[in-house]
């Protein structure tokens, strides 16, 4: 999970990747997802999976569980 550090608003982004460093660089150079463009992001939570399907399932759950995202966000400070 990424936290936006260039905005006053609480913004988080959830996604899966096989190369975390490359993906973060893409987000921070406006080459990532549309939502992340124009902002600077830092990693506040990561979880490793062996199977892509497991990663996608967890991503879906995290995107739809605002309480879990808020908990991760608050624990990252």
N, C-alpha and C. Protein backbone atom coordinates (compact mmCIF):
# COMPACT_ATOMS: atom_id res chain seq x y z
N UNK A 1 0.85 -1.16 0.00
CA UNK A 1 0.00 0.00 0.00
C UNK A 1 0.89 1.22 0.00
N UNK A 2 0.52 2.20 -0.79
CA UNK A 2 1.28 3.44 -0.88
C UNK A 2 0.52 4.56 -0.19
N UNK A 3 1.27 5.50 0.36
CA UNK A 3 0.72 6.70 0.97
C UNK A 3 1.23 7.89 0.19
N UNK A 4 0.33 8.82 -0.13
CA UNK A 4 0.71 10.03 -0.84
C UNK A 4 1.34 11.01 0.14
N UNK A 5 2.57 11.43 -0.13
CA UNK A 5 3.24 12.38 0.77
C UNK A 5 3.28 13.78 0.21
N UNK A 6 2.71 13.99 -0.99
CA UNK A 6 2.74 15.32 -1.59
C UNK A 6 1.38 16.01 -1.54
N UNK A 7 0.45 15.46 -0.80
CA UNK A 7 -0.89 16.03 -0.71
C UNK A 7 -1.29 16.18 0.74
N UNK A 8 -2.11 17.18 1.01
CA UNK A 8 -2.63 17.38 2.36
C UNK A 8 -3.70 16.35 2.71
N UNK A 9 -4.37 15.81 1.68
CA UNK A 9 -5.42 14.81 1.90
C UNK A 9 -4.80 13.45 2.18
N UNK A 10 -5.54 12.63 2.92
CA UNK A 10 -5.12 11.24 3.13
C UNK A 10 -5.42 10.47 1.86
N UNK A 11 -4.38 10.10 1.14
CA UNK A 11 -4.55 9.32 -0.08
C UNK A 11 -3.72 8.06 0.03
N UNK A 12 -4.33 6.94 -0.29
CA UNK A 12 -3.60 5.68 -0.33
C UNK A 12 -3.88 5.01 -1.66
N UNK A 13 -2.97 4.14 -2.06
CA UNK A 13 -3.12 3.39 -3.30
C UNK A 13 -2.75 1.94 -3.03
N UNK A 14 -3.55 1.03 -3.53
CA UNK A 14 -3.30 -0.40 -3.36
C UNK A 14 -3.15 -1.03 -4.74
N UNK A 15 -2.12 -1.84 -4.89
CA UNK A 15 -1.92 -2.56 -6.14
C UNK A 15 -0.94 -3.69 -5.94
N UNK A 16 -0.88 -4.59 -6.91
CA UNK A 16 0.08 -5.69 -6.83
C UNK A 16 1.11 -5.54 -7.94
N UNK A 17 2.29 -6.09 -7.72
CA UNK A 17 3.36 -6.03 -8.70
C UNK A 17 4.37 -7.13 -8.40
N UNK A 18 5.16 -7.47 -9.40
CA UNK A 18 6.24 -8.43 -9.17
C UNK A 18 7.57 -7.71 -8.94
N UNK A 19 7.59 -6.38 -9.14
CA UNK A 19 8.80 -5.58 -8.94
C UNK A 19 8.42 -4.28 -8.23
N UNK A 20 8.48 -4.31 -6.91
CA UNK A 20 8.00 -3.20 -6.09
C UNK A 20 8.77 -1.90 -6.34
N UNK A 21 10.08 -1.97 -6.43
CA UNK A 21 10.89 -0.76 -6.64
C UNK A 21 10.56 -0.12 -7.99
N UNK A 22 10.47 -0.94 -9.02
CA UNK A 22 10.15 -0.43 -10.36
C UNK A 22 8.77 0.22 -10.38
N UNK A 23 7.80 -0.43 -9.74
CA UNK A 23 6.43 0.09 -9.73
C UNK A 23 6.33 1.40 -8.97
N UNK A 24 7.03 1.51 -7.85
CA UNK A 24 7.03 2.76 -7.09
C UNK A 24 7.65 3.88 -7.92
N UNK A 25 8.74 3.58 -8.61
CA UNK A 25 9.38 4.57 -9.49
C UNK A 25 8.41 5.02 -10.58
N UNK A 26 7.66 4.09 -11.15
CA UNK A 26 6.68 4.45 -12.18
C UNK A 26 5.63 5.39 -11.62
N UNK A 27 5.13 5.10 -10.44
CA UNK A 27 4.11 5.96 -9.83
C UNK A 27 4.68 7.35 -9.56
N UNK A 28 5.91 7.43 -9.10
CA UNK A 28 6.50 8.72 -8.74
C UNK A 28 7.02 9.50 -9.94
N UNK A 29 7.02 8.90 -11.13
CA UNK A 29 7.44 9.61 -12.34
C UNK A 29 6.29 9.71 -13.34
N UNK A 30 5.06 9.67 -12.83
CA UNK A 30 3.84 9.84 -13.64
C UNK A 30 3.67 8.79 -14.72
N UNK A 31 4.20 7.60 -14.51
CA UNK A 31 4.04 6.52 -15.49
C UNK A 31 3.23 5.37 -14.91
N UNK A 32 2.67 5.56 -13.74
CA UNK A 32 1.89 4.51 -13.10
C UNK A 32 0.41 4.69 -13.36
N UNK A 33 -0.39 4.21 -12.46
CA UNK A 33 -1.85 4.30 -12.58
C UNK A 33 -2.30 5.76 -12.63
N UNK A 34 -3.41 5.99 -13.31
CA UNK A 34 -3.94 7.35 -13.46
C UNK A 34 -4.14 8.04 -12.11
N UNK A 35 -4.61 7.32 -11.12
CA UNK A 35 -4.87 7.87 -9.79
C UNK A 35 -3.61 8.41 -9.13
N UNK A 36 -2.46 7.82 -9.43
CA UNK A 36 -1.23 8.19 -8.74
C UNK A 36 -0.47 9.34 -9.39
N UNK A 37 -0.87 9.73 -10.58
CA UNK A 37 -0.12 10.75 -11.33
C UNK A 37 -0.13 12.10 -10.62
N UNK A 38 1.01 12.78 -10.65
CA UNK A 38 1.12 14.10 -10.07
C UNK A 38 1.39 14.13 -8.58
N UNK A 39 1.63 12.97 -7.99
CA UNK A 39 1.88 12.90 -6.55
C UNK A 39 3.15 12.09 -6.28
N UNK A 40 3.68 12.28 -5.08
CA UNK A 40 4.84 11.51 -4.62
C UNK A 40 4.32 10.50 -3.61
N UNK A 41 4.76 9.24 -3.77
CA UNK A 41 4.26 8.14 -2.96
C UNK A 41 5.38 7.46 -2.19
N UNK A 42 5.03 6.89 -1.05
CA UNK A 42 5.98 6.06 -0.29
C UNK A 42 5.26 4.79 0.13
N UNK A 43 6.02 3.72 0.26
CA UNK A 43 5.45 2.44 0.66
C UNK A 43 5.21 2.45 2.17
N UNK A 44 3.98 2.11 2.56
CA UNK A 44 3.67 2.02 3.98
C UNK A 44 3.28 0.60 4.38
N UNK A 45 3.05 -0.26 3.41
CA UNK A 45 2.67 -1.64 3.72
C UNK A 45 2.93 -2.51 2.50
N UNK A 46 3.48 -3.68 2.72
CA UNK A 46 3.67 -4.64 1.63
C UNK A 46 3.50 -6.04 2.18
N UNK A 47 3.07 -6.92 1.31
CA UNK A 47 2.86 -8.31 1.68
C UNK A 47 3.23 -9.16 0.46
N UNK A 48 4.00 -10.21 0.68
CA UNK A 48 4.48 -11.04 -0.42
C UNK A 48 3.62 -12.29 -0.58
N UNK A 49 3.32 -12.61 -1.83
CA UNK A 49 2.56 -13.80 -2.17
C UNK A 49 3.32 -14.62 -3.19
N UNK A 50 3.14 -15.92 -3.15
CA UNK A 50 3.75 -16.79 -4.15
C UNK A 50 2.88 -16.82 -5.41
N UNK A 51 1.58 -16.92 -5.22
CA UNK A 51 0.66 -16.99 -6.35
C UNK A 51 0.05 -15.62 -6.67
N UNK A 52 0.04 -15.28 -7.95
CA UNK A 52 -0.54 -14.01 -8.39
C UNK A 52 -2.02 -13.94 -8.01
N UNK A 53 -2.72 -15.05 -8.12
CA UNK A 53 -4.15 -15.07 -7.79
C UNK A 53 -4.39 -14.72 -6.32
N UNK A 54 -3.51 -15.18 -5.44
CA UNK A 54 -3.63 -14.83 -4.02
C UNK A 54 -3.38 -13.34 -3.81
N UNK A 55 -2.41 -12.79 -4.52
CA UNK A 55 -2.11 -11.35 -4.42
C UNK A 55 -3.29 -10.53 -4.91
N UNK A 56 -3.89 -10.94 -6.00
CA UNK A 56 -5.03 -10.21 -6.55
C UNK A 56 -6.25 -10.29 -5.63
N UNK A 57 -6.45 -11.43 -5.01
CA UNK A 57 -7.56 -11.59 -4.06
C UNK A 57 -7.36 -10.67 -2.85
N UNK A 58 -6.14 -10.64 -2.32
CA UNK A 58 -5.85 -9.78 -1.17
C UNK A 58 -5.97 -8.31 -1.56
N UNK A 59 -5.49 -7.96 -2.75
CA UNK A 59 -5.61 -6.58 -3.24
C UNK A 59 -7.07 -6.16 -3.29
N UNK A 60 -7.92 -7.00 -3.83
CA UNK A 60 -9.35 -6.70 -3.92
C UNK A 60 -9.94 -6.47 -2.53
N UNK A 61 -9.62 -7.35 -1.60
CA UNK A 61 -10.14 -7.22 -0.23
C UNK A 61 -9.67 -5.92 0.42
N UNK A 62 -8.38 -5.60 0.24
CA UNK A 62 -7.82 -4.40 0.85
C UNK A 62 -8.43 -3.13 0.23
N UNK A 63 -8.64 -3.15 -1.07
CA UNK A 63 -9.25 -2.00 -1.74
C UNK A 63 -10.66 -1.75 -1.24
N UNK A 64 -11.34 -2.80 -0.84
CA UNK A 64 -12.73 -2.67 -0.44
C UNK A 64 -12.95 -2.63 1.07
N UNK A 65 -11.89 -2.71 1.85
CA UNK A 65 -12.00 -2.65 3.31
C UNK A 65 -11.36 -1.36 3.81
N UNK A 66 -12.16 -0.31 3.87
CA UNK A 66 -11.64 1.00 4.25
C UNK A 66 -11.11 1.02 5.68
N UNK A 67 -11.70 0.23 6.56
CA UNK A 67 -11.22 0.18 7.94
C UNK A 67 -9.81 -0.41 8.02
N UNK A 68 -9.56 -1.47 7.25
CA UNK A 68 -8.23 -2.08 7.22
C UNK A 68 -7.21 -1.10 6.65
N UNK A 69 -7.58 -0.40 5.57
CA UNK A 69 -6.67 0.59 4.97
C UNK A 69 -6.37 1.71 5.95
N UNK A 70 -7.40 2.17 6.65
CA UNK A 70 -7.19 3.24 7.62
C UNK A 70 -6.31 2.77 8.77
N UNK A 71 -6.49 1.54 9.19
CA UNK A 71 -5.66 0.97 10.25
C UNK A 71 -4.20 0.92 9.81
N UNK A 72 -3.95 0.46 8.61
CA UNK A 72 -2.57 0.41 8.07
C UNK A 72 -2.01 1.81 7.98
N UNK A 73 -2.79 2.74 7.48
CA UNK A 73 -2.36 4.14 7.35
C UNK A 73 -1.98 4.71 8.72
N UNK A 74 -2.83 4.52 9.71
CA UNK A 74 -2.59 5.07 11.05
C UNK A 74 -1.38 4.41 11.71
N UNK A 75 -1.15 3.13 11.47
CA UNK A 75 -0.01 2.43 12.05
C UNK A 75 1.32 2.76 11.36
N UNK A 76 1.24 3.41 10.20
CA UNK A 76 2.47 3.75 9.46
C UNK A 76 3.07 5.06 9.95
N UNK A 77 2.39 5.77 10.79
CA UNK A 77 2.87 7.08 11.24
C UNK A 77 3.74 6.96 12.47
